[in-house]
Amino acid sequence: MSVSHPVAPRDYAAAILAEPDRERRKSLLERCPSQWRDQVRELVESAFQKAQAYRQYIQGKRTAANQKPPAAPRREDMPNVLDHRKSAPEVGNGHLAKLRASIKGGA
């Protein structure tokens, strides 16, 4: 199938969409058979709308890719790990003794 001899409305629309010059696209639409002209115009307009929507989508993706993500919020209520006092060994040993006693008593 050749672009110079379209045989269906879809072929006319493809030929019009492939043409980069706006005046040439208008002349191709005028040369289209009158019974197909409305359908060809609709096909061309919908294709241009889809192409424009795709370009906007890609531009949005590029913009989003260039933006830095927001920083994670800082938690002010978290205790400072470096500011803990050491516990007394007697307190820890006392808790361990209670745990051991509860395990032996429950078994």
C-alpha atoms as a PDB file:
ATOM      1  CA  MET A   1       0.000   0.000   0.000  1.00  0.00           C
ATOM      2  CA  SER A   2       1.386   3.364  -0.949  1.00  0.00           C
ATOM      3  CA  VAL A   3       0.771   6.690   0.784  1.00  0.00           C
ATOM      4  CA  SER A   4       0.163   8.308  -2.600  1.00  0.00           C
ATOM      5  CA  HIS A   5      -2.836   6.014  -3.274  1.00  0.00           C
ATOM      6  CA  PRO A   6      -4.863   5.683  -0.054  1.00  0.00           C
ATOM      7  CA  VAL A   7      -7.758   3.267  -0.261  1.00  0.00           C
ATOM      8  CA  ALA A   8      -9.485   3.798   3.093  1.00  0.00           C
ATOM      9  CA  PRO A   9     -10.129   6.660   5.546  1.00  0.00           C
ATOM     10  CA  ARG A  10      -7.464   5.251   7.838  1.00  0.00           C
ATOM     11  CA  ASP A  11      -4.913   5.474   4.999  1.00  0.00           C
ATOM     12  CA  TYR A  12      -5.804   9.113   4.350  1.00  0.00           C
ATOM     13  CA  ALA A  13      -5.465   9.884   8.044  1.00  0.00           C
ATOM     14  CA  ALA A  14      -2.078   8.133   8.189  1.00  0.00           C
ATOM     15  CA  ALA A  15      -0.857  10.128   5.184  1.00  0.00           C
ATOM     16  CA  ILE A  16      -2.021  13.381   6.768  1.00  0.00           C
ATOM     17  CA  LEU A  17      -0.402  12.529  10.115  1.00  0.00           C
ATOM     18  CA  ALA A  18       2.891  11.639   8.417  1.00  0.00           C
ATOM     19  CA  GLU A  19       3.073  15.062   6.739  1.00  0.00           C
ATOM     20  CA  PRO A  20       5.151  17.576   8.762  1.00  0.00           C
ATOM     21  CA  ASP A  21       3.927  20.696   6.922  1.00  0.00           C
ATOM     22  CA  ARG A  22       0.617  22.128   8.127  1.00  0.00           C
ATOM     23  CA  GLU A  23      -0.425  23.547   4.724  1.00  0.00           C
ATOM     24  CA  ARG A  24       0.317  20.221   3.064  1.00  0.00           C
ATOM     25  CA  ARG A  25      -1.840  18.464   5.670  1.00  0.00           C
ATOM     26  CA  LYS A  26      -4.720  20.825   4.867  1.00  0.00           C
ATOM     27  CA  SER A  27      -4.379  20.171   1.157  1.00  0.00           C
ATOM     28  CA  LEU A  28      -4.319  16.409   1.738  1.00  0.00           C
ATOM     29  CA  LEU A  29      -7.520  16.686   3.788  1.00  0.00           C
ATOM     30  CA  GLU A  30      -9.173  18.722   1.010  1.00  0.00           C
ATOM     31  CA  ARG A  31      -8.178  16.110  -1.591  1.00  0.00           C
ATOM     32  CA  CYS A  32      -9.788  13.381   0.500  1.00  0.00           C
ATOM     33  CA  PRO A  33     -13.097  12.040  -0.943  1.00  0.00           C
ATOM     34  CA  SER A  34     -16.020  13.992   0.498  1.00  0.00           C
ATOM     35  CA  GLN A  35     -17.791  10.896   1.900  1.00  0.00           C
ATOM     36  CA  TRP A  36     -14.712  10.119   4.026  1.00  0.00           C
ATOM     37  CA  ARG A  37     -13.651  13.658   4.938  1.00  0.00           C
ATOM     38  CA  ASP A  38     -15.481  13.842   8.290  1.00  0.00           C
ATOM     39  CA  GLN A  39     -14.223  10.439   9.348  1.00  0.00           C
ATOM     40  CA  VAL A  40     -10.647  11.279   8.288  1.00  0.00           C
ATOM     41  CA  ARG A  41     -10.802  14.611  10.143  1.00  0.00           C
ATOM     42  CA  GLU A  42     -12.003  12.804  13.279  1.00  0.00           C
ATOM     43  CA  LEU A  43      -9.200  10.228  13.016  1.00  0.00           C
ATOM     44  CA  VAL A  44      -6.566  12.941  12.572  1.00  0.00           C
ATOM     45  CA  GLU A  45      -7.879  15.054  15.467  1.00  0.00           C
ATOM     46  CA  SER A  46      -8.018  12.091  17.833  1.00  0.00           C
ATOM     47  CA  ALA A  47      -4.469  11.072  16.846  1.00  0.00           C
ATOM     48  CA  PHE A  48      -3.191  14.602  17.510  1.00  0.00           C
ATOM     49  CA  GLN A  49      -4.959  14.639  20.895  1.00  0.00           C
ATOM     50  CA  LYS A  50      -3.374  11.308  21.815  1.00  0.00           C
ATOM     51  CA  ALA A  51       0.058  12.529  20.738  1.00  0.00           C
ATOM     52  CA  GLN A  52      -0.369  15.733  22.746  1.00  0.00           C
ATOM     53  CA  ALA A  53      -1.499  13.783  25.829  1.00  0.00           C
ATOM     54  CA  TYR A  54       1.523  11.494  25.480  1.00  0.00           C
ATOM     55  CA  ARG A  55       3.886  14.470  25.206  1.00  0.00           C
ATOM     56  CA  GLN A  56       2.374  15.988  28.361  1.00  0.00           C
ATOM     57  CA  TYR A  57       2.716  12.654  30.169  1.00  0.00           C
ATOM     58  CA  ILE A  58       6.383  12.354  29.210  1.00  0.00           C
ATOM     59  CA  GLN A  59       7.044  15.969  30.211  1.00  0.00           C
ATOM     60  CA  GLY A  60       5.440  15.287  33.598  1.00  0.00           C
ATOM     61  CA  LYS A  61       7.622  12.207  34.054  1.00  0.00           C
ATOM     62  CA  ARG A  62      10.736  14.232  33.199  1.00  0.00           C
ATOM     63  CA  THR A  63       9.741  16.934  35.665  1.00  0.00           C
ATOM     64  CA  ALA A  64       9.099  14.363  38.391  1.00  0.00           C
ATOM     65  CA  ALA A  65      12.420  12.643  37.680  1.00  0.00           C
ATOM     66  CA  ASN A  66      14.298  15.919  38.093  1.00  0.00           C
ATOM     67  CA  GLN A  67      12.656  16.742  41.416  1.00  0.00           C
ATOM     68  CA  LYS A  68      14.205  15.601  44.653  1.00  0.00           C
ATOM     69  CA  PRO A  69      11.875  13.613  46.932  1.00  0.00           C
ATOM     70  CA  PRO A  70      10.836  15.338  50.147  1.00  0.00           C
ATOM     71  CA  ALA A  71      12.957  14.627  53.188  1.00  0.00           C
ATOM     72  CA  ALA A  72      11.589  12.238  55.749  1.00  0.00           C
ATOM     73  CA  PRO A  73      10.096  14.015  58.753  1.00  0.00           C
ATOM     74  CA  ARG A  74      12.277  14.067  61.829  1.00  0.00           C
ATOM     75  CA  ARG A  75      10.974  12.539  65.013  1.00  0.00           C
ATOM     76  CA  GLU A  76      11.594  14.848  67.918  1.00  0.00           C
ATOM     77  CA  ASP A  77      10.211  12.477  70.545  1.00  0.00           C
ATOM     78  CA  MET A  78      12.849   9.774  70.007  1.00  0.00           C
ATOM     79  CA  PRO A  79      15.339   9.434  72.842  1.00  0.00           C
ATOM     80  CA  ASN A  80      18.926  10.210  72.110  1.00  0.00           C
ATOM     81  CA  VAL A  81      20.856   6.947  71.992  1.00  0.00           C
ATOM     82  CA  LEU A  82      24.097   8.573  73.027  1.00  0.00           C
ATOM     83  CA  ASP A  83      22.591  10.197  76.098  1.00  0.00           C
ATOM     84  CA  HIS A  84      21.733   7.003  78.075  1.00  0.00           C
ATOM     85  CA  ARG A  85      23.220   6.426  81.498  1.00  0.00           C
ATOM     86  CA  LYS A  86      24.698   3.045  82.213  1.00  0.00           C
ATOM     87  CA  SER A  87      22.562   0.860  84.433  1.00  0.00           C
ATOM     88  CA  ALA A  88      23.815  -0.609  87.645  1.00  0.00           C
ATOM     89  CA  PRO A  89      24.676  -4.323  87.360  1.00  0.00           C
ATOM     90  CA  GLU A  90      22.717  -5.081  90.516  1.00  0.00           C
ATOM     91  CA  VAL A  91      19.464  -3.864  88.942  1.00  0.00           C
ATOM     92  CA  GLY A  92      19.928  -5.986  85.820  1.00  0.00           C
ATOM     93  CA  ASN A  93      20.939  -9.041  87.832  1.00  0.00           C
ATOM     94  CA  GLY A  94      17.887  -8.594  90.054  1.00  0.00           C
ATOM     95  CA  HIS A  95      15.568  -8.555  87.014  1.00  0.00           C
ATOM     96  CA  LEU A  96      17.250 -11.643  85.583  1.00  0.00           C
ATOM     97  CA  ALA A  97      16.860 -13.460  88.901  1.00  0.00           C
ATOM     98  CA  LYS A  98      13.126 -12.655  88.924  1.00  0.00           C
ATOM     99  CA  LEU A  99      12.753 -13.959  85.374  1.00  0.00           C
ATOM    100  CA  ARG A 100      14.639 -17.164  86.173  1.00  0.00           C
ATOM    101  CA  ALA A 101      12.499 -17.708  89.258  1.00  0.00           C
ATOM    102  CA  SER A 102       9.280 -17.240  87.270  1.00  0.00           C
ATOM    103  CA  ILE A 103      10.453 -19.746  84.661  1.00  0.00           C
ATOM    104  CA  LYS A 104      11.428 -22.358  87.258  1.00  0.00           C
ATOM    105  CA  GLY A 105       8.249 -21.799  89.237  1.00  0.00           C
ATOM    106  CA  GLY A 106       5.985 -22.072  86.152  1.00  0.00           C
ATOM    107  CA  ALA A 107       7.566 -25.237  84.794  1.00  0.00           C
END
